[in-house]
Amino acid sequence: MKKTILSLMMLAFFFASYAQKSEISSAKNNYALYEVGLQTKTPMKKQLESLNLAKESTDKAITNAKTQNNAELWAYRALIYASISVTDTVNKANANAAFETAKEAITKAKELDSKNEYSKIIESAEKNLAIMMQNKGVAAFNKKDYKEAYNSFKFIADVMPKDSLFNMYTAMAANSAQMYDEAIKYYNKSLEINPNNAGLFQELERVYMAKGDTAMALKVIEQGRAKHPDNMSLIFDELNVYLNRGEAAKQITKIENAIAKDPSNKTLHFVAGIAYSANKDNDKAVEAYKKALEIDPSYSDAIYNLAVIYINKGNAYITEANKLPTTKANDAKYNALKKKFEVELGNALPLLERARELNPKDVSTLNTLREVYIKLNKMDKAAEVKKTLDQM
């Protein structure tokens, strides 16, 4: 009799234990049905039915002492709740609640899975959460809610630290939110993964410039140019940093060395023109812009900048003339300076007219052209340009 009672007790224990383990099996089976539904493109409502049955099984299993510390259970619970969060696009409250439960389950699963038996399941759960956060991040960024976008992308970047793209997205959102230290952190992470992306060096340098840290901006550019010596964007940005620091001369040697290696590069000659002009060496600036135009006669930026040099030279002459005391003895000197002024503006005029042909809607070109027409007393031409500007 005692043996019979003992056997019955053992049998009851077996069935109780089996019943709890069957909840894990039930959760797995219903999740498998959900995956079939994904592949066959069944309606969302049907997919959620399978997920809800799977969810209920894990809810029961985590309350039982026999299975509440089962790593497989928590891994599947994470995956199931994460799948609900990304699948339920109608009930946002339900999706958000599932998201939070999935995060908790992921943490618990990682604690229990000491042998990494269920790491792929946990990883799948994390990827599902990442999909949800990606959608939230993109929506927030498009609404210019950059802090919310940063928080969403940061979640993905932290979950998938080897993903260069989402580290970059996190940095971009942080930068847009003026969270410069966070932007620097995630641009650096992205660069560690993908140093071959020259644009990342440029973006990181610009964050430092936004912070007013020109020393670090130059350091980043130097790192970028060491890996991408011919990248023109980095060359331009390096020049801009030196211009910002009032140290254009320091860039000139680098540009001249680059031109020696690639003399047919019009952009290098253009950059040289900017650097020479900033260093108040107008003759060399003119030479550089003319060289760029020999290579490409339609290089509108070089045409405009060359015109501006002539205008500045002309303005310097007329400023000097206007400072002369109004005496008969100064008439000849005044007229000579005025003539030089007109010659320089005459040099600029055809260049500006050509720049207008190339970029007929460029406001800077039109305003400068109008100013030159006025100074040269071509009032009918100036009026025509003003009419164009007024219609824009």
Protein backbone atom coordinates (compact mmCIF):
# COMPACT_ATOMS: atom_id res chain seq x y z
CA MET A 1 0.00 0.00 0.00
CA LYS A 2 2.79 2.40 0.92
CA LYS A 3 4.52 1.58 -2.35
CA THR A 4 1.32 2.35 -4.23
CA ILE A 5 0.92 5.73 -2.51
CA LEU A 6 4.57 6.55 -3.17
CA SER A 7 4.18 5.60 -6.81
CA LEU A 8 1.11 7.79 -7.12
CA MET A 9 2.94 10.71 -5.55
CA MET A 10 5.88 10.29 -7.90
CA LEU A 11 3.49 10.06 -10.83
CA ALA A 12 1.72 13.24 -9.73
CA PHE A 13 5.06 14.97 -9.42
CA PHE A 14 6.02 13.78 -12.88
CA PHE A 15 2.82 15.08 -14.44
CA ALA A 16 3.13 18.43 -12.63
CA SER A 17 6.67 18.81 -13.86
CA TYR A 18 5.72 17.67 -17.33
CA ALA A 19 2.81 20.09 -17.37
CA GLN A 20 5.11 23.02 -16.67
CA LYS A 21 7.67 21.93 -19.23
CA SER A 22 4.84 21.47 -21.72
CA GLU A 23 4.13 25.20 -21.33
CA ILE A 24 7.59 25.86 -22.73
CA SER A 25 6.90 23.41 -25.58
CA SER A 26 3.53 25.07 -26.18
CA ALA A 27 5.20 28.49 -26.33
CA LYS A 28 7.76 27.20 -28.82
CA ASN A 29 5.09 25.52 -30.95
CA ASN A 30 2.89 28.60 -31.10
CA TYR A 31 5.91 30.74 -31.93
CA ALA A 32 6.67 28.31 -34.77
CA LEU A 33 3.10 28.84 -36.04
CA TYR A 34 3.73 32.59 -35.94
CA GLU A 35 6.85 32.13 -38.08
CA VAL A 36 4.85 30.09 -40.59
CA GLY A 37 2.35 32.94 -40.65
CA LEU A 38 5.14 35.38 -41.42
CA GLN A 39 6.32 33.27 -44.33
CA THR A 40 2.81 32.78 -45.72
CA LYS A 41 1.91 36.44 -45.07
CA THR A 42 -1.14 35.71 -42.94
CA PRO A 43 -2.98 38.76 -41.53
CA MET A 44 -1.49 40.49 -38.51
CA LYS A 45 -4.47 39.49 -36.34
CA LYS A 46 -3.77 35.81 -37.00
CA GLN A 47 -0.06 36.25 -36.30
CA LEU A 48 -0.85 37.93 -32.99
CA GLU A 49 -3.17 35.08 -32.01
CA SER A 50 -0.26 32.63 -32.21
CA LEU A 51 2.03 35.03 -30.34
CA ASN A 52 -0.55 35.62 -27.60
CA LEU A 53 -0.94 31.87 -27.04
CA ALA A 54 2.84 31.56 -26.85
CA LYS A 55 2.98 34.54 -24.47
CA GLU A 56 0.38 33.01 -22.15
CA SER A 57 2.40 29.81 -21.91
CA THR A 58 5.52 31.70 -20.84
CA ASP A 59 3.47 33.73 -18.36
CA LYS A 60 2.40 30.49 -16.69
CA ALA A 61 5.83 28.89 -16.81
CA ILE A 62 7.65 31.79 -15.12
CA THR A 63 5.38 31.51 -12.06
CA ASN A 64 6.30 27.87 -11.44
CA ALA A 65 9.29 27.06 -9.25
CA LYS A 66 10.27 24.18 -11.54
CA THR A 67 10.71 26.31 -14.67
CA GLN A 68 11.05 29.90 -13.51
CA ASN A 69 14.84 29.75 -13.84
CA ASN A 70 14.88 27.91 -17.14
CA ALA A 71 17.16 29.73 -19.61
CA GLU A 72 15.29 28.40 -22.65
CA LEU A 73 12.00 29.69 -21.25
CA TRP A 74 13.36 33.20 -20.77
CA ALA A 75 15.03 33.22 -24.17
CA TYR A 76 11.75 32.31 -25.87
CA ARG A 77 9.81 34.69 -23.67
CA ALA A 78 12.11 37.47 -24.85
CA LEU A 79 11.67 36.44 -28.48
CA ILE A 80 7.89 36.13 -28.22
CA TYR A 81 7.35 39.47 -26.52
CA ALA A 82 9.80 41.15 -28.88
CA SER A 83 7.85 39.73 -31.82
CA ILE A 84 4.62 41.13 -30.38
CA SER A 85 6.23 44.56 -30.06
CA VAL A 86 7.21 44.64 -33.71
CA THR A 87 4.13 42.88 -35.08
CA ASP A 88 1.36 44.84 -33.35
CA THR A 89 1.33 48.03 -35.39
CA VAL A 90 -2.25 48.89 -34.36
CA ASN A 91 -2.16 48.85 -30.56
CA LYS A 92 0.83 51.00 -29.64
CA ALA A 93 0.27 50.55 -25.90
CA ASN A 94 0.40 46.78 -26.31
CA ALA A 95 3.50 46.99 -28.50
CA ASN A 96 5.26 49.27 -26.01
CA ALA A 97 4.37 47.05 -23.04
CA ALA A 98 5.63 44.00 -24.93
CA PHE A 99 8.83 45.88 -25.73
CA GLU A 100 9.52 46.53 -22.02
CA THR A 101 8.75 42.92 -21.08
CA ALA A 102 11.02 41.68 -23.85
CA LYS A 103 13.89 43.86 -22.54
CA GLU A 104 13.46 42.41 -19.05
CA ALA A 105 13.31 38.88 -20.45
CA ILE A 106 16.49 39.42 -22.47
CA THR A 107 18.34 40.50 -19.34
CA LYS A 108 17.08 37.46 -17.42
CA ALA A 109 17.85 35.06 -20.29
CA LYS A 110 21.43 36.32 -20.50
CA GLU A 111 21.87 35.82 -16.75
CA LEU A 112 20.62 32.24 -16.90
CA ASP A 113 22.21 31.16 -20.20
CA SER A 114 25.71 30.69 -18.80
CA LYS A 115 26.65 28.23 -21.57
CA ASN A 116 25.30 30.43 -24.40
CA GLU A 117 22.99 27.65 -25.55
CA TYR A 118 20.24 30.09 -26.45
CA SER A 119 22.31 33.07 -27.58
CA LYS A 120 20.87 32.97 -31.11
CA ILE A 121 17.31 33.12 -29.79
CA ILE A 122 18.24 36.04 -27.54
CA GLU A 123 19.96 37.75 -30.45
CA SER A 124 16.81 37.34 -32.56
CA ALA A 125 14.79 38.96 -29.79
CA GLU A 126 17.21 41.88 -29.69
CA LYS A 127 16.98 42.27 -33.45
CA ASN A 128 13.18 42.42 -33.25
CA LEU A 129 13.40 45.17 -30.66
CA ALA A 130 15.93 46.92 -32.88
CA ILE A 131 13.43 46.88 -35.76
CA MET A 132 10.85 48.58 -33.56
CA MET A 133 13.35 51.16 -32.35
CA GLN A 134 14.53 51.77 -35.90
CA ASN A 135 10.98 52.63 -36.95
CA LYS A 136 10.58 54.92 -33.93
CA GLY A 137 13.95 56.55 -34.57
CA VAL A 138 13.27 57.27 -38.24
CA ALA A 139 9.82 58.69 -37.43
CA ALA A 140 11.25 60.89 -34.68
CA PHE A 141 14.11 62.11 -36.89
CA ASN A 142 11.68 63.02 -39.66
CA LYS A 143 9.65 65.01 -37.11
CA LYS A 144 12.89 66.71 -35.98
CA ASP A 145 12.52 65.20 -32.52
CA TYR A 146 16.24 64.52 -32.44
CA LYS A 147 16.48 63.53 -28.77
CA GLU A 148 13.85 60.84 -29.24
CA ALA A 149 15.63 59.70 -32.41
CA TYR A 150 18.91 59.56 -30.49
CA ASN A 151 17.37 57.40 -27.73
CA SER A 152 15.89 55.01 -30.31
CA PHE A 153 19.05 54.65 -32.38
CA LYS A 154 21.20 54.43 -29.25
CA PHE A 155 19.23 51.37 -28.15
CA ILE A 156 20.08 49.64 -31.44
CA ALA A 157 23.72 50.74 -31.40
CA ASP A 158 24.15 49.45 -27.85
CA VAL A 159 22.44 46.16 -28.66
CA MET A 160 24.46 45.76 -31.87
CA PRO A 161 27.76 47.50 -31.07
CA LYS A 162 29.44 46.16 -34.21
CA ASP A 163 26.89 47.79 -36.50
CA SER A 164 28.59 50.84 -38.02
CA LEU A 165 25.39 52.15 -39.58
CA PHE A 166 23.39 52.48 -36.36
CA ASN A 167 26.33 53.93 -34.48
CA MET A 168 26.40 56.55 -37.23
CA TYR A 169 22.64 57.16 -37.03
CA THR A 170 22.95 57.59 -33.26
CA ALA A 171 25.75 60.10 -33.77
CA MET A 172 23.77 62.00 -36.41
CA ALA A 173 20.72 62.28 -34.14
CA ALA A 174 22.89 63.37 -31.20
CA ASN A 175 24.60 66.00 -33.33
CA SER A 176 21.24 67.32 -34.56
CA ALA A 177 20.12 67.55 -30.92
CA GLN A 178 23.37 69.44 -30.12
CA MET A 179 24.42 66.58 -27.84
CA TYR A 180 27.97 66.91 -29.09
CA ASP A 181 29.76 64.63 -26.62
CA GLU A 182 27.35 61.79 -27.42
CA ALA A 183 27.78 62.45 -31.14
CA ILE A 184 31.55 62.23 -30.78
CA LYS A 185 31.25 58.95 -28.85
CA TYR A 186 29.15 57.24 -31.50
CA TYR A 187 31.02 58.64 -34.50
CA ASN A 188 34.20 57.24 -32.95
CA LYS A 189 32.51 53.86 -32.47
CA SER A 190 31.39 53.88 -36.08
CA LEU A 191 34.91 54.78 -37.24
CA GLU A 192 36.39 51.92 -35.22
CA ILE A 193 34.18 49.55 -37.20
CA ASN A 194 34.44 51.25 -40.57
CA PRO A 195 37.53 53.46 -40.94
CA ASN A 196 37.19 53.32 -44.74
CA ASN A 197 34.24 55.71 -44.67
CA ALA A 198 35.83 59.10 -45.27
CA GLY A 199 32.54 60.84 -44.57
CA LEU A 200 32.66 59.73 -40.93
CA PHE A 201 35.90 61.63 -40.40
CA GLN A 202 34.30 64.69 -41.94
CA GLU A 203 31.18 64.45 -39.76
CA LEU A 204 33.23 63.94 -36.60
CA GLU A 205 35.43 66.91 -37.45
CA ARG A 206 32.37 69.08 -37.91
CA VAL A 207 31.08 68.11 -34.47
CA TYR A 208 34.34 69.32 -32.97
CA MET A 209 34.02 72.53 -34.97
CA ALA A 210 30.50 73.00 -33.58
CA LYS A 211 32.04 72.70 -30.11
CA GLY A 212 34.70 75.25 -31.06
CA ASP A 213 37.49 72.68 -30.66
CA THR A 214 39.57 73.38 -33.77
CA ALA A 215 42.57 71.43 -32.43
CA MET A 216 40.58 68.18 -32.27
CA ALA A 217 38.91 68.99 -35.59
CA LEU A 218 42.34 69.19 -37.25
CA LYS A 219 43.45 66.00 -35.54
CA VAL A 220 40.44 64.14 -36.94
CA ILE A 221 41.02 65.56 -40.43
CA GLU A 222 44.67 64.49 -40.30
CA GLN A 223 43.58 60.98 -39.34
CA GLY A 224 41.08 61.00 -42.18
CA ARG A 225 43.54 62.31 -44.75
CA ALA A 226 46.11 59.70 -43.70
CA LYS A 227 43.60 57.05 -44.80
CA HIS A 228 42.03 59.08 -47.61
CA PRO A 229 44.72 61.47 -48.89
CA ASP A 230 42.83 62.40 -52.07
CA ASN A 231 39.45 63.05 -50.48
CA MET A 232 38.53 66.58 -51.55
CA SER A 233 35.89 67.07 -48.85
CA LEU A 234 38.52 66.56 -46.17
CA ILE A 235 40.91 68.91 -47.97
CA PHE A 236 38.19 71.58 -48.10
CA ASP A 237 37.32 71.09 -44.45
CA GLU A 238 40.97 71.28 -43.43
CA LEU A 239 41.24 74.61 -45.22
CA ASN A 240 38.08 75.84 -43.50
CA VAL A 241 39.52 74.97 -40.09
CA TYR A 242 42.74 76.83 -40.84
CA LEU A 243 40.73 79.80 -42.15
CA ASN A 244 38.67 79.71 -38.95
CA ARG A 245 41.90 79.88 -36.96
CA GLY A 246 43.34 82.62 -39.18
CA GLU A 247 46.13 80.26 -40.24
CA ALA A 248 45.58 79.81 -43.98
CA ALA A 249 49.34 79.88 -44.59
CA LYS A 250 49.71 76.54 -42.79
CA GLN A 251 47.45 74.90 -45.36
CA ILE A 252 49.16 76.33 -48.42
CA THR A 253 52.16 73.98 -48.38
CA LYS A 254 49.88 70.94 -48.11
CA ILE A 255 47.81 72.13 -51.05
CA GLU A 256 50.88 72.87 -53.17
CA ASN A 257 52.20 69.37 -52.43
CA ALA A 258 48.87 67.90 -53.47
CA ILE A 259 48.90 69.93 -56.71
CA ALA A 260 52.42 68.67 -57.49
CA LYS A 261 51.05 65.12 -57.33
CA ASP A 262 47.87 65.91 -59.27
CA PRO A 263 48.34 69.08 -61.36
CA SER A 264 45.23 68.48 -63.45
CA ASN A 265 42.91 68.55 -60.44
CA LYS A 266 40.85 71.72 -60.86
CA THR A 267 39.52 71.56 -57.30
CA LEU A 268 42.99 71.62 -55.80
CA HIS A 269 43.80 74.78 -57.77
CA PHE A 270 40.49 76.28 -56.59
CA VAL A 271 41.29 75.46 -52.95
CA ALA A 272 44.74 76.97 -53.46
CA GLY A 273 43.06 80.15 -54.69
CA ILE A 274 41.01 80.37 -51.51
CA ALA A 275 44.07 79.80 -49.34
CA TYR A 276 46.20 82.38 -51.21
CA SER A 277 43.38 84.91 -51.03
CA ALA A 278 42.94 84.35 -47.28
CA ASN A 279 46.71 84.83 -46.94
CA LYS A 280 46.36 88.15 -48.83
CA ASP A 281 48.41 86.92 -51.78
CA ASN A 282 46.02 88.04 -54.53
CA ASP A 283 48.44 87.52 -57.40
CA LYS A 284 48.87 83.85 -56.58
CA ALA A 285 45.13 83.53 -55.96
CA VAL A 286 44.40 84.91 -59.44
CA GLU A 287 46.94 82.53 -60.93
CA ALA A 288 45.39 79.57 -59.10
CA TYR A 289 41.83 80.39 -60.20
CA LYS A 290 42.98 80.91 -63.78
CA LYS A 291 44.71 77.53 -63.69
CA ALA A 292 41.49 75.91 -62.48
CA LEU A 293 39.65 77.59 -65.37
CA GLU A 294 42.23 76.36 -67.89
CA ILE A 295 41.30 72.85 -66.78
CA ASP A 296 37.55 73.57 -66.72
CA PRO A 297 36.41 76.84 -68.34
CA SER A 298 32.90 76.31 -66.90
CA TYR A 299 34.03 75.99 -63.28
CA SER A 300 31.53 78.51 -61.91
CA ASP A 301 32.94 78.71 -58.38
CA ALA A 302 36.39 79.60 -59.72
CA ILE A 303 34.84 82.16 -62.10
CA TYR A 304 32.96 83.84 -59.26
CA ASN A 305 35.90 83.86 -56.85
CA LEU A 306 38.20 85.31 -59.49
CA ALA A 307 35.65 88.07 -60.14
CA VAL A 308 35.50 88.83 -56.42
CA ILE A 309 39.28 89.31 -56.30
CA TYR A 310 39.08 91.89 -59.09
CA ILE A 311 36.17 93.62 -57.33
CA ASN A 312 38.08 93.78 -54.05
CA LYS A 313 41.12 95.20 -55.79
CA GLY A 314 38.92 97.79 -57.48
CA ASN A 315 37.18 98.69 -54.23
CA ALA A 316 40.57 99.20 -52.59
CA TYR A 317 41.48 101.75 -55.30
CA ILE A 318 38.25 103.72 -54.97
CA THR A 319 38.50 103.67 -51.16
CA GLU A 320 41.99 105.13 -51.44
CA ALA A 321 40.75 107.73 -53.92
CA ASN A 322 37.89 108.79 -51.67
CA LYS A 323 40.30 109.39 -48.81
CA LEU A 324 42.21 112.01 -50.78
CA PRO A 325 41.62 115.60 -49.73
CA THR A 326 39.50 117.41 -52.30
CA THR A 327 42.10 119.70 -53.82
CA LYS A 328 43.07 120.52 -57.35
CA ALA A 329 46.50 119.01 -56.69
CA ASN A 330 44.84 115.62 -56.00
CA ASP A 331 42.60 115.59 -59.08
CA ALA A 332 45.08 113.69 -61.24
CA LYS A 333 45.78 111.13 -58.53
CA TYR A 334 42.06 110.68 -57.88
CA ASN A 335 41.34 110.15 -61.58
CA ALA A 336 44.17 107.63 -61.88
CA LEU A 337 42.83 105.62 -58.94
CA LYS A 338 39.29 105.83 -60.30
CA LYS A 339 40.54 104.52 -63.64
CA LYS A 340 42.19 101.56 -61.91
CA PHE A 341 38.94 100.94 -60.06
CA GLU A 342 37.01 100.84 -63.34
CA VAL A 343 39.60 98.55 -64.96
CA GLU A 344 39.35 96.00 -62.14
CA LEU A 345 35.55 96.06 -62.19
CA GLY A 346 35.76 95.75 -65.97
CA ASN A 347 37.83 92.61 -65.44
CA ALA A 348 35.22 91.25 -63.06
CA LEU A 349 32.17 92.02 -65.18
CA PRO A 350 32.50 89.38 -67.94
CA LEU A 351 33.34 86.79 -65.32
CA LEU A 352 30.18 87.56 -63.37
CA GLU A 353 28.09 87.53 -66.53
CA ARG A 354 29.56 84.12 -67.36
CA ALA A 355 28.85 82.92 -63.82
CA ARG A 356 25.25 84.05 -64.25
CA GLU A 357 24.95 82.06 -67.49
CA LEU A 358 26.16 78.96 -65.68
CA ASN A 359 24.01 79.53 -62.55
CA PRO A 360 21.16 81.86 -63.52
CA LYS A 361 19.42 81.54 -60.14
CA ASP A 362 22.43 82.01 -57.89
CA VAL A 363 21.52 84.93 -55.63
CA SER A 364 25.11 85.77 -54.65
CA THR A 365 26.13 86.04 -58.29
CA LEU A 366 23.13 88.20 -59.17
CA ASN A 367 23.62 90.57 -56.23
CA THR A 368 27.32 90.98 -56.98
CA LEU A 369 26.64 91.50 -60.68
CA ARG A 370 24.04 94.18 -59.89
CA GLU A 371 26.50 95.95 -57.59
CA VAL A 372 29.15 96.02 -60.34
CA TYR A 373 26.64 97.34 -62.90
CA ILE A 374 25.73 100.17 -60.50
CA LYS A 375 29.37 101.07 -59.83
CA LEU A 376 30.09 101.11 -63.55
CA ASN A 377 26.98 103.29 -64.10
CA LYS A 378 25.20 100.64 -66.17
CA MET A 379 21.87 101.38 -64.56
CA ASP A 380 19.68 99.70 -67.18
CA LYS A 381 21.59 96.45 -66.66
CA ALA A 382 21.37 96.82 -62.87
CA ALA A 383 17.59 97.32 -63.12
CA GLU A 384 17.25 94.15 -65.21
CA VAL A 385 19.14 92.12 -62.62
CA LYS A 386 17.02 93.60 -59.79
CA LYS A 387 13.88 92.58 -61.65
CA THR A 388 15.21 89.03 -61.86
CA LEU A 389 15.98 89.02 -58.15
CA ASP A 390 12.53 90.37 -57.28
CA GLN A 391 10.89 87.56 -59.26
CA MET A 392 12.82 84.82 -57.47
